[in-house]
Amino acid sequence: MRVSLRIDGRAGGGRADIPLAPTQALLEALDRSGSLQGVASELGISYRSAWGQLAALEHALGRPAAVKTKGHGSALTPLGNGLLALLKASQVRLGPALAAEEMALADGLRRLLEPGMARIRLAASHDPLLLDALETRRDIDLMIAGSLDALARLREGAVDAAGFHYGAEGPPPAPFDILFSDPEWSVESLFRREQGLLFAPGNPLGLTDVASIAERKARFVNRQRGAGTRIWFERLCREAGVPLDSIVGHHTEEFTHQAVAALIATGAADVGMGTRAVAERFTLDFRPLGWETYHLVVRATLPPERLAPLREQILKRAQSAPGYAPPAAHQSKA
């Protein structure tokens, strides 16, 4: 990747580009060696090429970057030293971004040449059991996202698989329903989990359902837009005839079950919605609202065996973890 600096209105007039990496290498070699012959030797180029690069740089700058002293070789001018310092500082700033881009390009090339060996990119709705299972997986890159956001990233091609849920055990509602009939995707259920309302120990406000949250002006902490848990909570409000605006804190958003539980545990909120597992982890009271199925959707072109070990590991954990259970039925279309 060639990165250059464009200079307008320099002393020589017109416009010129200074290639950053070659210029830095030239100035560093000249600073170390003290001669153009030393530059040529260090960079593995001819003396003529070294002289030509320096001349081109000075033409672009409109001023000398180095001065030759008889019997003492060459040395950088104050302008040359200043430019070298700027280039080094720029490299420090650009280095991490360029390295990340290089990794992304390398991963993209591996996917083109050896699609079966590339790391799997997974965007998934937050779940503690899933996170624990992924800790030992070095072939999967995880991005936490709400259910709808995870699916959007899958459709865009940014990831290879997505984990999602929608808070119902029956037929999937829109827009999730299309996933189960589109041959481009392979969908299967990973596990079932219990969700409910989280309260401070003893449930001091005596909350029982979404209606009581509104009636008692309890401080509610919500999940972000597009999260499956938020979709479920808003559906419960509609079914109970509770306007969302009557829920104090409905617009307070957090991105994980743990963050919701932490706010309640510290007294910053009175109630939220989350899994039984998180309630137990934070020693909160829990009132069940129901069970839901957590699904995994992948591109039909992804070999099934790539994710088979993860599925098996999750199934084993779901059989014994509190608030979890194996999926009621295998819903894979593959």
C-alpha atoms as a PDB file:
ATOM      1  CA  MET A   1       0.000   0.000   0.000  1.00  0.00           C
ATOM      2  CA  ARG A   2       1.553   3.297  -1.119  1.00  0.00           C
ATOM      3  CA  VAL A   3       0.760   6.286   1.097  1.00  0.00           C
ATOM      4  CA  SER A   4       1.921   9.722   0.002  1.00  0.00           C
ATOM      5  CA  LEU A   5       1.767  13.335   1.150  1.00  0.00           C
ATOM      6  CA  ARG A   6       0.542  15.885  -1.378  1.00  0.00           C
ATOM      7  CA  ILE A   7       2.115  19.332  -1.197  1.00  0.00           C
ATOM      8  CA  ASP A   8       0.456  22.313  -2.895  1.00  0.00           C
ATOM      9  CA  GLY A   9       2.089  25.658  -3.606  1.00  0.00           C
ATOM     10  CA  ARG A  10       5.618  24.611  -2.590  1.00  0.00           C
ATOM     11  CA  ALA A  11       8.538  26.930  -3.228  1.00  0.00           C
ATOM     12  CA  GLY A  12       9.113  25.378  -6.641  1.00  0.00           C
ATOM     13  CA  GLY A  13       5.455  25.973  -7.588  1.00  0.00           C
ATOM     14  CA  GLY A  14       2.808  23.471  -8.614  1.00  0.00           C
ATOM     15  CA  ARG A  15       1.936  20.280  -6.795  1.00  0.00           C
ATOM     16  CA  ALA A  16       3.970  17.220  -5.784  1.00  0.00           C
ATOM     17  CA  ASP A  17       3.504  13.946  -3.921  1.00  0.00           C
ATOM     18  CA  ILE A  18       5.963  12.664  -1.332  1.00  0.00           C
ATOM     19  CA  PRO A  19       5.782   8.875  -0.793  1.00  0.00           C
ATOM     20  CA  LEU A  20       5.910   8.482   2.982  1.00  0.00           C
ATOM     21  CA  ALA A  21       7.572   5.093   3.531  1.00  0.00           C
ATOM     22  CA  PRO A  22      10.361   5.486   0.899  1.00  0.00           C
ATOM     23  CA  THR A  23      11.052   9.042   2.063  1.00  0.00           C
ATOM     24  CA  GLN A  24      11.338   7.952   5.695  1.00  0.00           C
ATOM     25  CA  ALA A  25      13.676   5.109   4.718  1.00  0.00           C
ATOM     26  CA  LEU A  26      15.839   7.512   2.670  1.00  0.00           C
ATOM     27  CA  LEU A  27      16.123  10.124   5.428  1.00  0.00           C
ATOM     28  CA  GLU A  28      16.795   7.527   8.150  1.00  0.00           C
ATOM     29  CA  ALA A  29      19.548   5.898   6.078  1.00  0.00           C
ATOM     30  CA  LEU A  30      21.118   9.266   5.303  1.00  0.00           C
ATOM     31  CA  ASP A  31      20.959  10.276   8.968  1.00  0.00           C
ATOM     32  CA  ARG A  32      22.660   7.038  10.026  1.00  0.00           C
ATOM     33  CA  SER A  33      25.286   6.731   7.289  1.00  0.00           C
ATOM     34  CA  GLY A  34      26.075  10.389   6.625  1.00  0.00           C
ATOM     35  CA  SER A  35      26.523   9.862   2.881  1.00  0.00           C
ATOM     36  CA  LEU A  36      24.571   8.989  -0.247  1.00  0.00           C
ATOM     37  CA  GLN A  37      26.922   6.079  -0.828  1.00  0.00           C
ATOM     38  CA  GLY A  38      25.963   4.794   2.607  1.00  0.00           C
ATOM     39  CA  VAL A  39      22.273   5.234   1.710  1.00  0.00           C
ATOM     40  CA  ALA A  40      22.764   3.229  -1.466  1.00  0.00           C
ATOM     41  CA  SER A  41      24.529   0.435   0.422  1.00  0.00           C
ATOM     42  CA  GLU A  42      21.957   0.301   3.262  1.00  0.00           C
ATOM     43  CA  LEU A  43      18.905   0.351   0.988  1.00  0.00           C
ATOM     44  CA  GLY A  44      20.402  -1.950  -1.634  1.00  0.00           C
ATOM     45  CA  ILE A  45      20.095   0.560  -4.497  1.00  0.00           C
ATOM     46  CA  SER A  46      22.567   2.294  -6.778  1.00  0.00           C
ATOM     47  CA  TYR A  47      24.218   5.583  -5.899  1.00  0.00           C
ATOM     48  CA  ARG A  48      22.426   7.143  -8.858  1.00  0.00           C
ATOM     49  CA  SER A  49      19.054   5.948  -7.547  1.00  0.00           C
ATOM     50  CA  ALA A  50      19.800   7.313  -4.056  1.00  0.00           C
ATOM     51  CA  TRP A  51      20.815  10.657  -5.518  1.00  0.00           C
ATOM     52  CA  GLY A  52      17.681  10.699  -7.708  1.00  0.00           C
ATOM     53  CA  GLN A  53      15.365  10.039  -4.736  1.00  0.00           C
ATOM     54  CA  LEU A  54      16.932  12.837  -2.729  1.00  0.00           C
ATOM     55  CA  ALA A  55      16.742  15.222  -5.693  1.00  0.00           C
ATOM     56  CA  ALA A  56      13.064  14.387  -6.226  1.00  0.00           C
ATOM     57  CA  LEU A  57      12.329  14.996  -2.548  1.00  0.00           C
ATOM     58  CA  GLU A  58      14.076  18.343  -2.555  1.00  0.00           C
ATOM     59  CA  HIS A  59      12.257  19.337  -5.738  1.00  0.00           C
ATOM     60  CA  ALA A  60       8.936  18.501  -4.063  1.00  0.00           C
ATOM     61  CA  LEU A  61       9.881  20.473  -0.941  1.00  0.00           C
ATOM     62  CA  GLY A  62      11.406  23.365  -2.841  1.00  0.00           C
ATOM     63  CA  ARG A  63      14.241  23.440  -0.304  1.00  0.00           C
ATOM     64  CA  PRO A  64      17.273  21.241   0.528  1.00  0.00           C
ATOM     65  CA  ALA A  65      16.653  18.262   2.805  1.00  0.00           C
ATOM     66  CA  ALA A  66      20.371  17.468   3.073  1.00  0.00           C
ATOM     67  CA  VAL A  67      23.616  19.377   2.703  1.00  0.00           C
ATOM     68  CA  LYS A  68      26.916  17.979   1.437  1.00  0.00           C
ATOM     69  CA  THR A  69      30.062  19.122   3.207  1.00  0.00           C
ATOM     70  CA  LYS A  70      33.392  18.491   1.523  1.00  0.00           C
ATOM     71  CA  GLY A  71      35.260  15.785   3.360  1.00  0.00           C
ATOM     72  CA  HIS A  72      32.392  15.106   5.770  1.00  0.00           C
ATOM     73  CA  GLY A  73      29.737  13.463   3.582  1.00  0.00           C
ATOM     74  CA  SER A  74      26.101  14.569   3.807  1.00  0.00           C
ATOM     75  CA  ALA A  75      23.884  15.587   6.696  1.00  0.00           C
ATOM     76  CA  LEU A  76      20.230  16.418   7.045  1.00  0.00           C
ATOM     77  CA  THR A  77      19.236  20.058   7.121  1.00  0.00           C
ATOM     78  CA  PRO A  78      16.875  21.329   9.832  1.00  0.00           C
ATOM     79  CA  LEU A  79      14.066  20.815   7.293  1.00  0.00           C
ATOM     80  CA  GLY A  80      15.222  17.256   6.640  1.00  0.00           C
ATOM     81  CA  ASN A  81      15.427  16.503  10.358  1.00  0.00           C
ATOM     82  CA  GLY A  82      11.999  18.036  10.947  1.00  0.00           C
ATOM     83  CA  LEU A  83      10.448  16.048   8.116  1.00  0.00           C
ATOM     84  CA  LEU A  84      11.981  12.824   9.440  1.00  0.00           C
ATOM     85  CA  ALA A  85      10.527  13.524  12.900  1.00  0.00           C
ATOM     86  CA  LEU A  86       7.091  14.132  11.379  1.00  0.00           C
ATOM     87  CA  LEU A  87       7.262  10.906   9.382  1.00  0.00           C
ATOM     88  CA  LYS A  88       8.237   8.885  12.462  1.00  0.00           C
ATOM     89  CA  ALA A  89       5.365  10.374  14.459  1.00  0.00           C
ATOM     90  CA  SER A  90       2.977   9.644  11.604  1.00  0.00           C
ATOM     91  CA  GLN A  91       4.143   6.030  11.523  1.00  0.00           C
ATOM     92  CA  VAL A  92       3.367   5.692  15.232  1.00  0.00           C
ATOM     93  CA  ARG A  93      -0.174   6.959  14.634  1.00  0.00           C
ATOM     94  CA  LEU A  94      -0.818   5.047  11.420  1.00  0.00           C
ATOM     95  CA  GLY A  95       0.887   1.821  12.433  1.00  0.00           C
ATOM     96  CA  PRO A  96      -1.993   0.171  14.361  1.00  0.00           C
ATOM     97  CA  ALA A  97      -4.590   1.104  11.730  1.00  0.00           C
ATOM     98  CA  LEU A  98      -2.408  -0.145   8.870  1.00  0.00           C
ATOM     99  CA  ALA A  99      -1.659  -3.358  10.770  1.00  0.00           C
ATOM    100  CA  ALA A 100      -5.391  -3.943  11.334  1.00  0.00           C
ATOM    101  CA  GLU A 101      -6.093  -3.308   7.660  1.00  0.00           C
ATOM    102  CA  GLU A 102      -3.294  -5.670   6.664  1.00  0.00           C
ATOM    103  CA  MET A 103      -4.830  -8.385   8.872  1.00  0.00           C
ATOM    104  CA  ALA A 104      -8.254  -7.789   7.319  1.00  0.00           C
ATOM    105  CA  LEU A 105      -6.784  -8.027   3.811  1.00  0.00           C
ATOM    106  CA  ALA A 106      -4.887 -11.186   4.708  1.00  0.00           C
ATOM    107  CA  ASP A 107      -8.053 -12.754   6.168  1.00  0.00           C
ATOM    108  CA  GLY A 108      -9.984 -11.799   3.035  1.00  0.00           C
ATOM    109  CA  LEU A 109      -7.327 -13.375   0.842  1.00  0.00           C
ATOM    110  CA  ARG A 110      -7.376 -16.575   2.912  1.00  0.00           C
ATOM    111  CA  ARG A 111     -11.144 -16.718   2.464  1.00  0.00           C
ATOM    112  CA  LEU A 112     -10.679 -16.487  -1.297  1.00  0.00           C
ATOM    113  CA  LEU A 113      -7.881 -19.058  -1.496  1.00  0.00           C
ATOM    114  CA  GLU A 114      -8.794 -21.442   1.354  1.00  0.00           C
ATOM    115  CA  PRO A 115     -12.376 -20.772   2.504  1.00  0.00           C
ATOM    116  CA  GLY A 116     -12.389 -23.888   4.644  1.00  0.00           C
ATOM    117  CA  MET A 117      -9.470 -22.671   6.775  1.00  0.00           C
ATOM    118  CA  ALA A 118     -10.449 -19.047   7.466  1.00  0.00           C
ATOM    119  CA  ARG A 119     -11.531 -17.990  10.953  1.00  0.00           C
ATOM    120  CA  ILE A 120     -15.295 -17.926  11.429  1.00  0.00           C
ATOM    121  CA  ARG A 121     -16.751 -14.471  12.051  1.00  0.00           C
ATOM    122  CA  LEU A 122     -19.728 -14.647  14.415  1.00  0.00           C
ATOM    123  CA  ALA A 123     -22.054 -11.807  15.401  1.00  0.00           C
ATOM    124  CA  ALA A 124     -24.319 -12.873  18.238  1.00  0.00           C
ATOM    125  CA  SER A 125     -26.777 -11.612  20.791  1.00  0.00           C
ATOM    126  CA  HIS A 126     -25.218 -11.597  24.239  1.00  0.00           C
ATOM    127  CA  ASP A 127     -25.514 -14.783  26.283  1.00  0.00           C
ATOM    128  CA  PRO A 128     -23.277 -15.964  29.163  1.00  0.00           C
ATOM    129  CA  LEU A 129     -23.412 -19.653  28.209  1.00  0.00           C
ATOM    130  CA  LEU A 130     -22.378 -18.846  24.630  1.00  0.00           C
ATOM    131  CA  LEU A 131     -19.536 -16.629  25.834  1.00  0.00           C
ATOM    132  CA  ASP A 132     -18.221 -19.334  28.146  1.00  0.00           C
ATOM    133  CA  ALA A 133     -18.249 -21.872  25.314  1.00  0.00           C
ATOM    134  CA  LEU A 134     -16.395 -19.506  22.981  1.00  0.00           C
ATOM    135  CA  GLU A 135     -13.581 -18.856  25.457  1.00  0.00           C
ATOM    136  CA  THR A 136     -11.818 -22.028  24.333  1.00  0.00           C
ATOM    137  CA  ARG A 137     -12.468 -21.516  20.627  1.00  0.00           C
ATOM    138  CA  ARG A 138      -9.529 -19.979  18.760  1.00  0.00           C
ATOM    139  CA  ASP A 139     -11.102 -20.371  15.323  1.00  0.00           C
ATOM    140  CA  ILE A 140     -14.050 -18.031  15.953  1.00  0.00           C
ATOM    141  CA  ASP A 141     -14.038 -14.237  16.144  1.00  0.00           C
ATOM    142  CA  LEU A 142     -17.026 -12.996  18.161  1.00  0.00           C
ATOM    143  CA  MET A 143     -18.813  -9.667  17.840  1.00  0.00           C
ATOM    144  CA  ILE A 144     -21.552  -8.939  20.388  1.00  0.00           C
ATOM    145  CA  ALA A 145     -24.635  -7.402  18.744  1.00  0.00           C
ATOM    146  CA  GLY A 146     -28.379  -7.307  19.190  1.00  0.00           C
ATOM    147  CA  SER A 147     -30.310 -10.005  17.356  1.00  0.00           C
ATOM    148  CA  LEU A 148     -31.446  -7.741  14.511  1.00  0.00           C
ATOM    149  CA  ASP A 149     -28.025  -6.105  14.231  1.00  0.00           C
ATOM    150  CA  ALA A 150     -26.326  -9.518  14.110  1.00  0.00           C
ATOM    151  CA  LEU A 151     -28.615 -10.626  11.292  1.00  0.00           C
ATOM    152  CA  ALA A 152     -28.025  -7.378   9.407  1.00  0.00           C
ATOM    153  CA  ARG A 153     -24.261  -7.941   9.574  1.00  0.00           C
ATOM    154  CA  LEU A 154     -24.760 -11.475   8.277  1.00  0.00           C
ATOM    155  CA  ARG A 155     -26.789 -10.259   5.302  1.00  0.00           C
ATOM    156  CA  GLU A 156     -24.148  -7.610   4.552  1.00  0.00           C
ATOM    157  CA  GLY A 157     -21.466 -10.290   4.430  1.00  0.00           C
ATOM    158  CA  ALA A 158     -19.571  -8.816   7.408  1.00  0.00           C
ATOM    159  CA  VAL A 159     -19.849 -12.109   9.333  1.00  0.00           C
ATOM    160  CA  ASP A 160     -20.333 -15.800   8.520  1.00  0.00           C
ATOM    161  CA  ALA A 161     -22.862 -16.665  11.234  1.00  0.00           C
ATOM    162  CA  ALA A 162     -25.255 -14.940  13.626  1.00  0.00           C
ATOM    163  CA  GLY A 163     -26.783 -15.853  16.979  1.00  0.00           C
ATOM    164  CA  PHE A 164     -30.277 -14.520  17.630  1.00  0.00           C
ATOM    165  CA  HIS A 165     -33.482 -14.957  19.644  1.00  0.00           C
ATOM    166  CA  TYR A 166     -36.910 -13.354  19.576  1.00  0.00           C
ATOM    167  CA  GLY A 167     -38.570 -14.308  22.855  1.00  0.00           C
ATOM    168  CA  ALA A 168     -41.088 -16.882  21.669  1.00  0.00           C
ATOM    169  CA  GLU A 169     -41.192 -20.656  21.372  1.00  0.00           C
ATOM    170  CA  GLY A 170     -43.825 -20.708  18.641  1.00  0.00           C
ATOM    171  CA  PRO A 171     -43.632 -19.671  14.977  1.00  0.00           C
ATOM    172  CA  PRO A 172     -40.995 -16.967  14.432  1.00  0.00           C
ATOM    173  CA  PRO A 173     -42.375 -13.443  13.977  1.00  0.00           C
ATOM    174  CA  ALA A 174     -41.292 -11.043  11.242  1.00  0.00           C
ATOM    175  CA  PRO A 175     -38.574 -10.324  10.277  1.00  0.00           C
ATOM    176  CA  PHE A 176     -37.114 -13.568  11.695  1.00  0.00           C
ATOM    177  CA  ASP A 177     -39.568 -15.838   9.850  1.00  0.00           C
ATOM    178  CA  ILE A 178     -37.895 -15.383   6.458  1.00  0.00           C
ATOM    179  CA  LEU A 179     -34.681 -16.962   7.759  1.00  0.00           C
ATOM    180  CA  PHE A 180     -36.356 -20.335   8.272  1.00  0.00           C
ATOM    181  CA  SER A 181     -37.543 -20.594   4.657  1.00  0.00           C
ATOM    182  CA  ASP A 182     -34.737 -18.932   2.697  1.00  0.00           C
ATOM    183  CA  PRO A 183     -32.378 -21.580   1.206  1.00  0.00           C
ATOM    184  CA  GLU A 184     -29.464 -19.149   1.483  1.00  0.00           C
ATOM    185  CA  TRP A 185     -29.387 -19.708   5.229  1.00  0.00           C
ATOM    186  CA  SER A 186     -29.160 -22.717   7.527  1.00  0.00           C
ATOM    187  CA  VAL A 187     -30.881 -22.160  10.889  1.00  0.00           C
ATOM    188  CA  GLU A 188     -30.830 -24.409  13.919  1.00  0.00           C
ATOM    189  CA  SER A 189     -31.681 -24.048  17.585  1.00  0.00           C
ATOM    190  CA  LEU A 190     -28.689 -24.034  19.953  1.00  0.00           C
ATOM    191  CA  PHE A 191     -30.361 -24.053  23.377  1.00  0.00           C
ATOM    192  CA  ARG A 192     -33.367 -22.879  25.379  1.00  0.00           C
ATOM    193  CA  ARG A 193     -33.072 -20.337  28.146  1.00  0.00           C
ATOM    194  CA  GLU A 194     -35.381 -18.845  30.748  1.00  0.00           C
ATOM    195  CA  GLN A 195     -35.899 -15.097  30.867  1.00  0.00           C
ATOM    196  CA  GLY A 196     -37.723 -12.985  33.403  1.00  0.00           C
ATOM    197  CA  LEU A 197     -37.766  -9.806  35.437  1.00  0.00           C
ATOM    198  CA  LEU A 198     -34.766  -9.007  37.632  1.00  0.00           C
ATOM    199  CA  PHE A 199     -35.237  -7.217  40.973  1.00  0.00           C
ATOM    200  CA  ALA A 200     -33.165  -6.275  43.987  1.00  0.00           C
ATOM    201  CA  PRO A 201     -33.195  -9.016  46.653  1.00  0.00           C
ATOM    202  CA  GLY A 202     -36.607  -9.196  48.308  1.00  0.00           C
ATOM    203  CA  ASN A 203     -38.308  -7.386  45.416  1.00  0.00           C
ATOM    204  CA  PRO A 204     -38.863  -4.261  47.577  1.00  0.00           C
ATOM    205  CA  LEU A 205     -41.394  -2.724  45.161  1.00  0.00           C
ATOM    206  CA  GLY A 206     -43.443  -5.926  44.912  1.00  0.00           C
ATOM    207  CA  LEU A 207     -43.250  -6.003  41.100  1.00  0.00           C
ATOM    208  CA  THR A 208     -44.961  -8.886  39.335  1.00  0.00           C
ATOM    209  CA  ASP A 209     -45.325  -7.984  35.646  1.00  0.00           C
ATOM    210  CA  VAL A 210     -44.975  -5.163  33.098  1.00  0.00           C
ATOM    211  CA  ALA A 211     -48.204  -3.542  34.317  1.00  0.00           C
ATOM    212  CA  SER A 212     -46.887  -3.261  37.866  1.00  0.00           C
ATOM    213  CA  ILE A 213     -43.664  -1.701  36.573  1.00  0.00           C
ATOM    214  CA  ALA A 214     -45.686   1.117  35.008  1.00  0.00           C
ATOM    215  CA  GLU A 215     -48.109   1.479  37.919  1.00  0.00           C
ATOM    216  CA  ARG A 216     -45.390   1.793  40.578  1.00  0.00           C
ATOM    217  CA  LYS A 217     -43.086   3.984  38.482  1.00  0.00           C
ATOM    218  CA  ALA A 218     -40.261   1.520  38.936  1.00  0.00           C
ATOM    219  CA  ARG A 219     -36.986   2.511  37.271  1.00  0.00           C
ATOM    220  CA  PHE A 220     -36.612   0.138  34.343  1.00  0.00           C
ATOM    221  CA  VAL A 221     -33.381  -0.502  32.449  1.00  0.00           C
ATOM    222  CA  ASN A 222     -33.853  -1.651  28.862  1.00  0.00           C
ATOM    223  CA  ARG A 223     -31.720  -3.378  26.250  1.00  0.00           C
ATOM    224  CA  GLN A 224     -30.601  -1.634  23.068  1.00  0.00           C
ATOM    225  CA  ARG A 225     -32.810  -1.367  19.995  1.00  0.00           C
ATOM    226  CA  GLY A 226     -32.783  -4.574  17.965  1.00  0.00           C
ATOM    227  CA  ALA A 227     -32.002  -6.789  20.961  1.00  0.00           C
ATOM    228  CA  GLY A 228     -34.188  -9.888  21.206  1.00  0.00           C
ATOM    229  CA  THR A 229     -34.851  -9.211  24.896  1.00  0.00           C
ATOM    230  CA  ARG A 230     -36.120  -5.722  24.099  1.00  0.00           C
ATOM    231  CA  ILE A 231     -38.346  -7.100  21.339  1.00  0.00           C
ATOM    232  CA  TRP A 232     -39.818  -9.553  23.853  1.00  0.00           C
ATOM    233  CA  PHE A 233     -40.387  -6.888  26.519  1.00  0.00           C
ATOM    234  CA  GLU A 234     -42.099  -4.524  24.077  1.00  0.00           C
ATOM    235  CA  ARG A 235     -44.346  -7.358  22.922  1.00  0.00           C
ATOM    236  CA  LEU A 236     -45.334  -8.036  26.546  1.00  0.00           C
ATOM    237  CA  CYS A 237     -46.192  -4.356  26.967  1.00  0.00           C
ATOM    238  CA  ARG A 238     -48.400  -4.404  23.872  1.00  0.00           C
ATOM    239  CA  GLU A 239     -50.175  -7.554  25.023  1.00  0.00           C
ATOM    240  CA  ALA A 240     -50.797  -5.999  28.458  1.00  0.00           C
ATOM    241  CA  GLY A 241     -51.939  -2.690  26.976  1.00  0.00           C
ATOM    242  CA  VAL A 242     -49.096  -0.827  28.685  1.00  0.00           C
ATOM    243  CA  PRO A 243     -47.824   2.211  26.700  1.00  0.00           C
ATOM    244  CA  LEU A 244     -44.034   2.195  26.453  1.00  0.00           C
ATOM    245  CA  ASP A 245     -43.911   5.848  27.494  1.00  0.00           C
ATOM    246  CA  SER A 246     -45.441   4.876  30.841  1.00  0.00           C
ATOM    247  CA  ILE A 247     -42.346   2.767  31.662  1.00  0.00           C
ATOM    248  CA  VAL A 248     -39.870   4.952  33.563  1.00  0.00           C
ATOM    249  CA  GLY A 249     -36.437   4.419  32.019  1.00  0.00           C
ATOM    250  CA  HIS A 250     -37.702   2.664  28.896  1.00  0.00           C
ATOM    251  CA  HIS A 251     -35.112   4.636  26.911  1.00  0.00           C
ATOM    252  CA  THR A 252     -32.245   3.659  29.237  1.00  0.00           C
ATOM    253  CA  GLU A 253     -30.280   1.170  27.125  1.00  0.00           C
ATOM    254  CA  GLU A 254     -27.622  -1.389  28.009  1.00  0.00           C
ATOM    255  CA  PHE A 255     -25.955  -3.882  25.689  1.00  0.00           C
ATOM    256  CA  THR A 256     -25.670  -7.003  27.855  1.00  0.00           C
ATOM    257  CA  HIS A 257     -27.641  -8.922  30.475  1.00  0.00           C
ATOM    258  CA  GLN A 258     -24.754  -8.368  32.908  1.00  0.00           C
ATOM    259  CA  ALA A 259     -24.937  -4.589  32.481  1.00  0.00           C
ATOM    260  CA  VAL A 260     -28.672  -4.639  33.236  1.00  0.00           C
ATOM    261  CA  ALA A 261     -28.134  -6.800  36.309  1.00  0.00           C
ATOM    262  CA  ALA A 262     -25.256  -4.647  37.531  1.00  0.00           C
ATOM    263  CA  LEU A 263     -27.389  -1.485  37.498  1.00  0.00           C
ATOM    264  CA  ILE A 264     -30.081  -3.218  39.551  1.00  0.00           C
ATOM    265  CA  ALA A 265     -27.544  -4.727  41.957  1.00  0.00           C
ATOM    266  CA  THR A 266     -26.005  -1.303  42.624  1.00  0.00           C
ATOM    267  CA  GLY A 267     -29.381   0.395  43.124  1.00  0.00           C
ATOM    268  CA  ALA A 268     -29.195   2.504  39.967  1.00  0.00           C
ATOM    269  CA  ALA A 269     -32.338   0.804  38.637  1.00  0.00           C
ATOM    270  CA  ASP A 270     -35.238  -1.166  40.112  1.00  0.00           C
ATOM    271  CA  VAL A 271     -36.045  -3.699  37.425  1.00  0.00           C
ATOM    272  CA  GLY A 272     -34.900  -5.078  34.109  1.00  0.00           C
ATOM    273  CA  MET A 273     -35.296  -8.144  31.956  1.00  0.00           C
ATOM    274  CA  GLY A 274     -32.686 -10.884  31.672  1.00  0.00           C
ATOM    275  CA  THR A 275     -31.826 -14.524  32.082  1.00  0.00           C
ATOM    276  CA  ARG A 276     -32.101 -16.600  35.259  1.00  0.00           C
ATOM    277  CA  ALA A 277     -28.374 -17.342  34.990  1.00  0.00           C
ATOM    278  CA  VAL A 278     -27.490 -13.642  35.245  1.00  0.00           C
ATOM    279  CA  ALA A 279     -29.926 -13.126  38.117  1.00  0.00           C
ATOM    280  CA  GLU A 280     -28.197 -15.900  40.084  1.00  0.00           C
ATOM    281  CA  ARG A 281     -24.758 -14.534  39.248  1.00  0.00           C
ATOM    282  CA  PHE A 282     -25.692 -11.116  40.697  1.00  0.00           C
ATOM    283  CA  THR A 283     -27.841 -12.588  43.525  1.00  0.00           C
ATOM    284  CA  LEU A 284     -30.972 -10.817  42.294  1.00  0.00           C
ATOM    285  CA  ASP A 285     -34.572 -11.926  42.641  1.00  0.00           C
ATOM    286  CA  PHE A 286     -36.020 -13.426  39.475  1.00  0.00           C
ATOM    287  CA  ARG A 287     -39.621 -13.680  38.285  1.00  0.00           C
ATOM    288  CA  PRO A 288     -39.908 -15.975  35.205  1.00  0.00           C
ATOM    289  CA  LEU A 289     -41.614 -14.672  32.088  1.00  0.00           C
ATOM    290  CA  GLY A 290     -41.020 -17.730  29.923  1.00  0.00           C
ATOM    291  CA  TRP A 291     -38.588 -19.777  27.905  1.00  0.00           C
ATOM    292  CA  GLU A 292     -37.171 -18.934  24.510  1.00  0.00           C
ATOM    293  CA  THR A 293     -34.920 -20.632  21.975  1.00  0.00           C
ATOM    294  CA  TYR A 294     -31.562 -19.195  20.982  1.00  0.00           C
ATOM    295  CA  HIS A 295     -30.814 -19.842  17.307  1.00  0.00           C
ATOM    296  CA  LEU A 296     -27.727 -19.932  15.131  1.00  0.00           C
ATOM    297  CA  VAL A 297     -27.961 -19.026  11.442  1.00  0.00           C
ATOM    298  CA  VAL A 298     -25.106 -19.554   8.994  1.00  0.00           C
ATOM    299  CA  ARG A 299     -24.637 -19.274   5.289  1.00  0.00           C
ATOM    300  CA  ALA A 300     -25.620 -22.541   3.643  1.00  0.00           C
ATOM    301  CA  THR A 301     -22.188 -22.579   1.964  1.00  0.00           C
ATOM    302  CA  LEU A 302     -20.347 -22.819   5.294  1.00  0.00           C
ATOM    303  CA  PRO A 303     -19.378 -26.466   5.893  1.00  0.00           C
ATOM    304  CA  PRO A 304     -21.517 -27.789   8.830  1.00  0.00           C
ATOM    305  CA  GLU A 305     -18.507 -29.457  10.444  1.00  0.00           C
ATOM    306  CA  ARG A 306     -16.868 -26.072  11.061  1.00  0.00           C
ATOM    307  CA  LEU A 307     -19.327 -25.261  13.864  1.00  0.00           C
ATOM    308  CA  ALA A 308     -20.143 -28.811  14.978  1.00  0.00           C
ATOM    309  CA  PRO A 309     -17.693 -28.778  17.952  1.00  0.00           C
ATOM    310  CA  LEU A 310     -19.187 -25.513  19.231  1.00  0.00           C
ATOM    311  CA  ARG A 311     -22.734 -26.895  18.964  1.00  0.00           C
ATOM    312  CA  GLU A 312     -21.767 -30.013  20.892  1.00  0.00           C
ATOM    313  CA  GLN A 313     -20.043 -27.993  23.604  1.00  0.00           C
ATOM    314  CA  ILE A 314     -23.042 -25.683  24.020  1.00  0.00           C
ATOM    315  CA  LEU A 315     -25.481 -28.620  24.133  1.00  0.00           C
ATOM    316  CA  LYS A 316     -23.453 -30.241  26.904  1.00  0.00           C
ATOM    317  CA  ARG A 317     -23.389 -27.018  28.936  1.00  0.00           C
ATOM    318  CA  ALA A 318     -27.118 -26.384  28.413  1.00  0.00           C
ATOM    319  CA  GLN A 319     -27.954 -29.738  30.001  1.00  0.00           C
ATOM    320  CA  SER A 320     -26.660 -28.667  33.425  1.00  0.00           C
ATOM    321  CA  ALA A 321     -26.473 -24.841  33.572  1.00  0.00           C
ATOM    322  CA  PRO A 322     -29.215 -23.124  35.658  1.00  0.00           C
ATOM    323  CA  GLY A 323     -31.836 -21.479  33.507  1.00  0.00           C
ATOM    324  CA  TYR A 324     -30.829 -23.379  30.358  1.00  0.00           C
ATOM    325  CA  ALA A 325     -32.025 -26.509  28.586  1.00  0.00           C
ATOM    326  CA  PRO A 326     -31.314 -28.355  25.331  1.00  0.00           C
ATOM    327  CA  PRO A 327     -33.421 -27.227  22.364  1.00  0.00           C
ATOM    328  CA  ALA A 328     -36.883 -28.753  22.294  1.00  0.00           C
ATOM    329  CA  ALA A 329     -36.528 -29.780  18.657  1.00  0.00           C
ATOM    330  CA  HIS A 330     -33.785 -29.648  16.054  1.00  0.00           C
ATOM    331  CA  GLN A 331     -34.878 -26.887  13.680  1.00  0.00           C
ATOM    332  CA  SER A 332     -32.013 -27.040  11.209  1.00  0.00           C
ATOM    333  CA  LYS A 333     -32.955 -26.747   7.549  1.00  0.00           C
ATOM    334  CA  ALA A 334     -29.692 -28.328   6.459  1.00  0.00           C
END
